[in-house]
Amino acid sequence: MPENFRTEEFKVEGEKLLARIKELIHEGNIRRIIIKDKDGKTLMEFPMTFGVAGVLIAPQLAAIGAIAALITEATVVIEKKE
């Protein structure tokens, strides 16, 4: 039986991007996170595997921090299990 997923999309100010991503990771049941710029261009996309340890996600968080420093607004798209 295939798993069902739903997507949610929301806008975030650049300086709040990293904090919001960390919140989403802690909520769990996230399958994929996509970060887009204000024009809709995908800047970063990464899958969230079951039981991801903080050490394994650290490089992605560092990259998100760098992106957040360069943009004023981002759109975050998350894919969640239903």
C-alpha atoms as a PDB file:
ATOM      1  CA  MET A   1       0.000   0.000   0.000  1.00  0.00           C
ATOM      2  CA  PRO A   2       1.608   3.316  -1.067  1.00  0.00           C
ATOM      3  CA  GLU A   3       2.172   6.019   1.514  1.00  0.00           C
ATOM      4  CA  ASN A   4       0.261   9.268   1.182  1.00  0.00           C
ATOM      5  CA  PHE A   5       2.041  12.599   1.379  1.00  0.00           C
ATOM      6  CA  ARG A   6       0.847  16.160   1.474  1.00  0.00           C
ATOM      7  CA  THR A   7       2.748  19.353   0.858  1.00  0.00           C
ATOM      8  CA  GLU A   8       2.622  22.625   2.728  1.00  0.00           C
ATOM      9  CA  GLU A   9       4.120  25.869   1.486  1.00  0.00           C
ATOM     10  CA  PHE A  10       4.795  29.064   3.410  1.00  0.00           C
ATOM     11  CA  LYS A  11       6.890  32.218   3.166  1.00  0.00           C
ATOM     12  CA  VAL A  12       9.603  33.038   5.675  1.00  0.00           C
ATOM     13  CA  GLU A  13      11.839  36.077   6.092  1.00  0.00           C
ATOM     14  CA  GLY A  14      15.486  35.268   5.421  1.00  0.00           C
ATOM     15  CA  GLU A  15      16.684  35.791   8.988  1.00  0.00           C
ATOM     16  CA  LYS A  16      13.980  33.439  10.332  1.00  0.00           C
ATOM     17  CA  LEU A  17      14.591  30.668   7.800  1.00  0.00           C
ATOM     18  CA  LEU A  18      17.043  28.566   9.817  1.00  0.00           C
ATOM     19  CA  ALA A  19      14.936  28.707  12.988  1.00  0.00           C
ATOM     20  CA  ARG A  20      11.804  27.653  11.082  1.00  0.00           C
ATOM     21  CA  ILE A  21      13.605  24.739   9.415  1.00  0.00           C
ATOM     22  CA  LYS A  22      14.848  23.535  12.816  1.00  0.00           C
ATOM     23  CA  GLU A  23      11.267  23.717  14.154  1.00  0.00           C
ATOM     24  CA  LEU A  24      10.022  21.621  11.248  1.00  0.00           C
ATOM     25  CA  ILE A  25      12.710  19.003  11.770  1.00  0.00           C
ATOM     26  CA  HIS A  26      11.815  18.696  15.457  1.00  0.00           C
ATOM     27  CA  GLU A  27       8.113  18.294  14.600  1.00  0.00           C
ATOM     28  CA  GLY A  28       8.967  15.122  12.722  1.00  0.00           C
ATOM     29  CA  ASN A  29       7.027  13.311   9.963  1.00  0.00           C
ATOM     30  CA  ILE A  30       8.713  15.522   7.333  1.00  0.00           C
ATOM     31  CA  ARG A  31       9.769  13.618   4.230  1.00  0.00           C
ATOM     32  CA  ARG A  32      11.387  16.418   2.191  1.00  0.00           C
ATOM     33  CA  ILE A  33      12.178  20.125   2.565  1.00  0.00           C
ATOM     34  CA  ILE A  34      12.520  22.465  -0.411  1.00  0.00           C
ATOM     35  CA  ILE A  35      13.683  26.085  -0.120  1.00  0.00           C
ATOM     36  CA  LYS A  36      12.850  28.496  -2.927  1.00  0.00           C
ATOM     37  CA  ASP A  37      13.702  32.148  -3.479  1.00  0.00           C
ATOM     38  CA  LYS A  38      11.044  34.834  -3.877  1.00  0.00           C
ATOM     39  CA  ASP A  39      10.915  34.157  -7.633  1.00  0.00           C
ATOM     40  CA  GLY A  40      10.143  30.466  -7.092  1.00  0.00           C
ATOM     41  CA  LYS A  41      13.600  29.170  -8.052  1.00  0.00           C
ATOM     42  CA  THR A  42      14.639  26.138  -5.985  1.00  0.00           C
ATOM     43  CA  LEU A  43      17.721  26.998  -3.932  1.00  0.00           C
ATOM     44  CA  MET A  44      17.976  23.813  -1.898  1.00  0.00           C
ATOM     45  CA  GLU A  45      16.144  20.533  -1.572  1.00  0.00           C
ATOM     46  CA  PHE A  46      16.902  17.720   0.805  1.00  0.00           C
ATOM     47  CA  PRO A  47      15.172  14.552   1.959  1.00  0.00           C
ATOM     48  CA  MET A  48      14.634  13.814   5.628  1.00  0.00           C
ATOM     49  CA  THR A  49      15.316  10.184   6.384  1.00  0.00           C
ATOM     50  CA  PHE A  50      13.772   8.412   9.336  1.00  0.00           C
ATOM     51  CA  GLY A  51      15.790   8.902  12.526  1.00  0.00           C
ATOM     52  CA  VAL A  52      18.126  11.578  11.188  1.00  0.00           C
ATOM     53  CA  ALA A  53      20.667  12.477  13.841  1.00  0.00           C
ATOM     54  CA  GLY A  54      21.656  16.093  14.407  1.00  0.00           C
ATOM     55  CA  VAL A  55      25.204  15.397  13.252  1.00  0.00           C
ATOM     56  CA  LEU A  56      23.985  14.098   9.900  1.00  0.00           C
ATOM     57  CA  ILE A  57      21.821  17.159   9.205  1.00  0.00           C
ATOM     58  CA  ALA A  58      24.455  19.694  10.351  1.00  0.00           C
ATOM     59  CA  PRO A  59      25.887  20.338   6.835  1.00  0.00           C
ATOM     60  CA  GLN A  60      22.400  21.099   5.478  1.00  0.00           C
ATOM     61  CA  LEU A  61      21.700  23.468   8.374  1.00  0.00           C
ATOM     62  CA  ALA A  62      24.973  25.295   7.706  1.00  0.00           C
ATOM     63  CA  ALA A  63      23.996  25.689   4.049  1.00  0.00           C
ATOM     64  CA  ILE A  64      20.539  26.952   5.038  1.00  0.00           C
ATOM     65  CA  GLY A  65      22.197  29.525   7.316  1.00  0.00           C
ATOM     66  CA  ALA A  66      24.316  30.737   4.411  1.00  0.00           C
ATOM     67  CA  ILE A  67      21.270  30.992   2.141  1.00  0.00           C
ATOM     68  CA  ALA A  68      19.333  32.857   4.834  1.00  0.00           C
ATOM     69  CA  ALA A  69      22.105  35.464   5.038  1.00  0.00           C
ATOM     70  CA  LEU A  70      21.799  36.169   1.315  1.00  0.00           C
ATOM     71  CA  ILE A  71      18.036  36.369   0.793  1.00  0.00           C
ATOM     72  CA  THR A  72      15.298  38.550   2.232  1.00  0.00           C
ATOM     73  CA  GLU A  73      12.415  36.151   1.688  1.00  0.00           C
ATOM     74  CA  ALA A  74      12.113  32.440   1.017  1.00  0.00           C
ATOM     75  CA  THR A  75       9.351  29.959   0.383  1.00  0.00           C
ATOM     76  CA  VAL A  76       9.625  26.688   2.254  1.00  0.00           C
ATOM     77  CA  VAL A  77       7.839  23.666   0.850  1.00  0.00           C
ATOM     78  CA  ILE A  78       7.570  20.624   3.077  1.00  0.00           C
ATOM     79  CA  GLU A  79       6.349  17.184   2.168  1.00  0.00           C
ATOM     80  CA  LYS A  80       4.755  15.368   5.113  1.00  0.00           C
ATOM     81  CA  LYS A  81       3.386  11.922   5.701  1.00  0.00           C
ATOM     82  CA  GLU A  82      -0.373  11.922   6.153  1.00  0.00           C
END
